[in-house]
Amino acid sequence: MKLSLCIATYNEESFIHYPLDSSYDFVDEVIVVDGSSTDRTVEKAKSYGDKVKVFVENNPPMFHINKQRAISKATGEWILQLDADEEVTPELKGEILDVISGGGDRKTVAYWIPRKNYFLGRFLTKGGVYPDYTVRLYKKGVAHFPCKSVHENVEVDGATGYLKNDLLHYADPSFDRYLKRWKRYTTLDAKLLKENKEKPDFLSYIFFKPIGWFFSAYGRHKGFLDGWQGFVFAFMSSIRFWRIYIEYLRLRSRS
């Protein structure tokens, strides 16, 4: 079975080696949809060889659009969709090859993969963020991104299963990178509230949601076992509601 690796990129020259180093040898083609990067992302991707096909597009705020574009251009019977900062472990590689060679349930058309997130120097294993299951392996034509929410997975038409081995996600090696992503996601969440004509409740977004989220992540889900990184992650995740609310007010005042 032919396997296509699909990646959407934008200024990922420091990270693109993660999916390509770990997957290039066992996939049949690599589809990269790049959002007009201003760094050497495209050059680095092309340097891996003839399997890599790069398509330069615009860089839409809803970045799932370029992920969907990559999926649509794939020609393989199976698709492995990765972010530019994700790495396939040797154990996960073995599972993937077993599935596409017919070792899985024949009725299963897509697979959830446990993802382990790297945050400021360590992989988080508590706080409700592990295993961070995400659908990344599926048959061509059975899955698509709705492109409505920053937090969405693909929607799958058919039965799904689960793989056991981790996908490593090197999203936040530095606080600067994390803060940029945090601001981007909260801005998109605020825009969606406005577009959907939803009015966020002041008490909920300023008090109840942040407090509830922090004590759930840091206490009930034992985020404290992830050290100071666990505290920072729980705190920043909880106060995102403040920024969503403030951004919503700012957007509404402009209209």
Protein backbone atom coordinates (compact mmCIF):
# COMPACT_ATOMS: atom_id res chain seq x y z
CA MET A 1 0.00 0.00 0.00
CA LYS A 2 1.28 3.46 -0.92
CA LEU A 3 1.69 5.83 2.04
CA SER A 4 1.67 9.63 1.70
CA LEU A 5 3.15 11.91 4.35
CA CYS A 6 1.29 15.25 4.42
CA ILE A 7 2.67 18.35 6.15
CA ALA A 8 1.55 21.99 6.23
CA THR A 9 4.35 24.45 7.01
CA TYR A 10 5.07 28.09 7.65
CA ASN A 11 8.54 29.22 8.77
CA GLU A 12 9.45 25.81 10.18
CA GLU A 13 13.10 25.56 9.10
CA SER A 14 14.16 24.74 12.68
CA PHE A 15 11.57 21.97 13.06
CA ILE A 16 10.87 20.40 9.65
CA HIS A 17 13.58 17.80 10.27
CA TYR A 18 11.41 16.10 12.90
CA PRO A 19 8.79 14.62 10.54
CA LEU A 20 11.17 14.21 7.60
CA ASP A 21 14.06 12.55 9.46
CA SER A 22 11.69 10.13 11.16
CA SER A 23 9.38 9.30 8.23
CA TYR A 24 11.10 9.89 4.90
CA ASP A 25 12.53 6.38 4.65
CA PHE A 26 9.20 4.52 4.94
CA VAL A 27 6.73 6.77 3.09
CA ASP A 28 6.25 6.76 -0.68
CA GLU A 29 5.73 10.50 -1.12
CA VAL A 30 5.89 13.67 0.95
CA ILE A 31 3.34 16.41 0.28
CA VAL A 32 4.35 19.77 1.77
CA VAL A 33 1.93 22.69 1.49
CA ASP A 34 3.87 25.76 2.54
CA GLY A 35 2.18 29.02 3.49
CA SER A 36 4.75 31.23 1.70
CA SER A 37 7.47 30.86 4.33
CA THR A 38 10.04 33.64 4.61
CA ASP A 39 12.75 31.33 5.96
CA ARG A 40 14.45 28.22 4.50
CA THR A 41 11.59 25.78 5.15
CA VAL A 42 10.98 25.00 1.47
CA GLU A 43 14.68 24.66 0.71
CA LYS A 44 15.19 22.27 3.61
CA ALA A 45 12.18 20.15 2.67
CA LYS A 46 13.30 19.82 -0.96
CA SER A 47 16.80 18.81 0.15
CA TYR A 48 15.49 15.44 1.35
CA GLY A 49 15.01 14.15 -2.18
CA ASP A 50 12.62 13.44 -5.02
CA LYS A 51 9.86 12.07 -2.81
CA VAL A 52 9.16 15.61 -1.59
CA LYS A 53 6.60 17.64 -3.51
CA VAL A 54 6.23 21.24 -2.34
CA PHE A 55 3.21 23.42 -3.09
CA VAL A 56 3.43 27.08 -2.07
CA GLU A 57 0.12 28.64 -1.05
CA ASN A 58 -1.01 31.59 1.06
CA ASN A 59 -0.89 31.42 4.87
CA PRO A 60 -4.51 31.47 6.08
CA PRO A 61 -5.16 32.26 9.77
CA MET A 62 -7.09 28.98 9.99
CA PHE A 63 -4.02 26.82 9.37
CA HIS A 64 -6.07 23.63 8.97
CA ILE A 65 -6.89 24.89 5.47
CA ASN A 66 -3.35 24.13 4.29
CA LYS A 67 -3.43 20.77 6.05
CA GLN A 68 -6.54 19.93 4.05
CA ARG A 69 -4.86 21.13 0.86
CA ALA A 70 -1.98 18.73 1.52
CA ILE A 71 -4.36 15.83 2.13
CA SER A 72 -6.21 16.58 -1.11
CA LYS A 73 -2.97 16.47 -3.13
CA ALA A 74 -1.85 13.10 -1.73
CA THR A 75 -1.95 10.08 -4.06
CA GLY A 76 -1.35 7.29 -1.54
CA GLU A 77 -3.95 4.78 -0.37
CA TRP A 78 -3.00 5.74 3.19
CA ILE A 79 -2.19 9.19 4.59
CA LEU A 80 0.08 10.01 7.52
CA GLN A 81 -0.62 13.63 8.42
CA LEU A 82 1.98 15.27 10.65
CA ASP A 83 2.72 18.75 11.91
CA ALA A 84 6.12 20.19 11.08
CA ASP A 85 7.25 19.76 14.71
CA GLU A 86 6.25 16.11 15.17
CA GLU A 87 8.46 13.02 15.17
CA VAL A 88 7.54 9.39 14.54
CA THR A 89 9.27 7.04 16.97
CA PRO A 90 10.70 3.72 15.67
CA GLU A 91 8.00 1.88 17.62
CA LEU A 92 5.24 3.97 16.04
CA LYS A 93 6.80 3.46 12.62
CA GLY A 94 6.49 -0.31 13.12
CA GLU A 95 2.82 0.00 14.04
CA ILE A 96 2.08 2.19 11.02
CA LEU A 97 3.76 -0.22 8.62
CA ASP A 98 1.86 -3.12 10.16
CA VAL A 99 -1.47 -1.32 9.65
CA ILE A 100 -0.93 -0.35 6.01
CA SER A 101 0.35 -3.83 5.15
CA GLY A 102 -2.95 -5.32 6.28
CA GLY A 103 -2.18 -6.15 9.89
CA GLY A 104 -4.97 -4.03 11.34
CA ASP A 105 -8.73 -4.50 11.48
CA ARG A 106 -9.94 -4.32 7.89
CA LYS A 107 -13.01 -2.31 8.94
CA THR A 108 -10.87 0.39 10.56
CA VAL A 109 -10.18 3.32 8.22
CA ALA A 110 -8.43 5.75 10.60
CA TYR A 111 -6.31 5.63 13.73
CA TRP A 112 -5.92 7.77 16.83
CA ILE A 113 -2.27 8.13 17.85
CA PRO A 114 -1.16 9.06 21.39
CA ARG A 115 0.88 12.26 21.28
CA LYS A 116 3.43 13.33 23.87
CA ASN A 117 3.99 17.09 24.07
CA TYR A 118 7.38 18.70 24.74
CA PHE A 119 7.11 21.83 26.89
CA LEU A 120 10.03 24.00 28.04
CA GLY A 121 12.52 21.17 28.45
CA ARG A 122 10.44 18.10 29.24
CA PHE A 123 7.65 15.91 27.91
CA LEU A 124 4.44 16.46 29.85
CA THR A 125 2.85 13.25 31.12
CA LYS A 126 0.25 14.68 33.51
CA GLY A 127 -2.10 17.66 33.65
CA GLY A 128 -4.64 16.05 31.33
CA VAL A 129 -2.41 16.48 28.27
CA TYR A 130 -1.17 12.90 27.91
CA PRO A 131 -2.01 10.81 26.05
CA ASP A 132 -3.01 13.62 23.68
CA TYR A 133 -4.82 11.42 21.15
CA THR A 134 -5.08 12.76 17.62
CA VAL A 135 -6.18 11.18 14.31
CA ARG A 136 -3.12 11.14 12.04
CA LEU A 137 -3.26 7.90 10.03
CA TYR A 138 -6.18 7.23 7.71
CA LYS A 139 -7.18 5.92 4.32
CA LYS A 140 -7.36 8.36 1.44
CA GLY A 141 -10.80 9.90 1.05
CA VAL A 142 -12.27 9.05 4.46
CA ALA A 143 -11.15 12.09 6.48
CA HIS A 144 -11.18 15.87 6.14
CA PHE A 145 -10.66 18.98 8.23
CA PRO A 146 -13.84 21.04 8.75
CA CYS A 147 -11.57 24.11 9.11
CA LYS A 148 -13.86 25.68 11.71
CA SER A 149 -11.87 25.44 14.95
CA VAL A 150 -8.20 25.73 15.87
CA HIS A 151 -8.55 22.68 18.13
CA GLU A 152 -10.25 20.32 15.68
CA ASN A 153 -9.27 16.87 14.46
CA VAL A 154 -10.21 15.50 11.08
CA GLU A 155 -13.74 14.21 10.71
CA VAL A 156 -13.74 10.55 9.71
CA ASP A 157 -16.33 8.65 7.70
CA GLY A 158 -15.90 5.14 9.07
CA ALA A 159 -14.56 3.12 11.97
CA THR A 160 -11.53 4.34 13.95
CA GLY A 161 -8.97 2.47 16.02
CA TYR A 162 -6.07 3.27 18.34
CA LEU A 163 -2.32 2.83 18.02
CA LYS A 164 -0.21 2.27 21.14
CA ASN A 165 3.08 4.06 20.53
CA ASP A 166 3.71 7.78 20.92
CA LEU A 167 4.01 10.55 18.39
CA LEU A 168 6.48 13.10 19.80
CA HIS A 169 5.41 16.75 19.54
CA TYR A 170 8.20 19.34 19.93
CA ALA A 171 5.82 22.29 19.87
CA ASP A 172 7.16 24.41 22.71
CA PRO A 173 10.91 24.14 23.34
CA SER A 174 10.96 27.81 24.39
CA PHE A 175 8.50 30.12 26.12
CA ASP A 176 8.77 32.60 23.25
CA ARG A 177 7.50 30.03 20.75
CA TYR A 178 4.78 28.91 23.16
CA LEU A 179 3.61 32.49 23.73
CA LYS A 180 3.34 33.15 20.00
CA ARG A 181 1.20 30.03 19.56
CA TRP A 182 -0.84 30.88 22.67
CA LYS A 183 -1.64 34.34 21.29
CA ARG A 184 -2.48 32.96 17.86
CA TYR A 185 -4.85 30.31 19.19
CA THR A 186 -6.65 32.63 21.62
CA THR A 187 -7.12 35.22 18.88
CA LEU A 188 -8.64 32.57 16.61
CA ASP A 189 -10.92 31.41 19.42
CA ALA A 190 -12.12 34.99 19.93
CA LYS A 191 -12.77 35.40 16.20
CA LEU A 192 -14.82 32.21 16.15
CA LEU A 193 -16.96 33.46 19.04
CA LYS A 194 -17.67 36.64 17.12
CA GLU A 195 -18.29 34.88 13.81
CA ASN A 196 -20.68 32.41 15.45
CA LYS A 197 -22.42 35.30 17.25
CA GLU A 198 -21.67 33.78 20.63
CA LYS A 199 -21.39 36.20 23.55
CA PRO A 200 -18.90 35.01 26.20
CA ASP A 201 -20.10 35.44 29.76
CA PHE A 202 -17.90 37.76 31.86
CA LEU A 203 -18.00 35.71 35.08
CA SER A 204 -17.42 32.48 33.20
CA TYR A 205 -14.39 33.66 31.21
CA ILE A 206 -12.79 35.79 33.93
CA PHE A 207 -13.44 33.61 36.99
CA PHE A 208 -15.10 30.21 36.64
CA LYS A 209 -13.38 28.80 33.54
CA PRO A 210 -9.82 29.84 34.52
CA ILE A 211 -10.16 28.66 38.13
CA GLY A 212 -11.83 25.41 37.14
CA TRP A 213 -9.27 24.68 34.43
CA PHE A 214 -6.25 25.35 36.66
CA PHE A 215 -7.39 23.16 39.55
CA SER A 216 -8.43 20.40 37.15
CA ALA A 217 -5.10 20.39 35.27
CA TYR A 218 -2.76 21.03 38.19
CA GLY A 219 -4.67 19.20 40.92
CA ARG A 220 -7.09 16.53 39.72
CA HIS A 221 -4.90 15.56 36.74
CA LYS A 222 -1.69 15.87 38.82
CA GLY A 223 0.06 18.50 36.71
CA PHE A 224 2.28 19.18 39.73
CA LEU A 225 4.12 15.93 38.95
CA ASP A 226 5.47 17.59 35.79
CA GLY A 227 7.50 20.03 37.90
CA TRP A 228 7.56 23.76 37.29
CA GLN A 229 6.69 23.14 33.65
CA GLY A 230 3.44 21.55 34.80
CA PHE A 231 2.59 24.66 36.81
CA VAL A 232 3.38 27.04 33.94
CA PHE A 233 1.35 24.97 31.49
CA ALA A 234 -1.66 24.77 33.81
CA PHE A 235 -1.49 28.49 34.60
CA MET A 236 -1.14 29.66 30.99
CA SER A 237 -3.84 27.26 29.84
CA SER A 238 -6.22 28.64 32.44
CA ILE A 239 -5.65 32.35 31.77
CA ARG A 240 -6.18 31.88 28.04
CA PHE A 241 -9.86 32.52 28.81
CA TRP A 242 -8.94 36.05 29.93
CA ARG A 243 -7.29 36.78 26.61
CA ILE A 244 -10.10 35.21 24.59
CA TYR A 245 -12.59 37.46 26.38
CA ILE A 246 -10.47 40.60 25.94
CA GLU A 247 -9.82 39.82 22.26
CA TYR A 248 -13.53 39.25 21.73
CA LEU A 249 -14.31 42.70 23.17
CA ARG A 250 -11.62 44.26 21.00
CA LEU A 251 -12.97 42.63 17.85
CA ARG A 252 -16.54 43.59 18.69
CA SER A 253 -15.57 47.22 19.27
CA ARG A 254 -14.05 47.37 15.78
CA SER A 255 -17.20 46.19 14.03
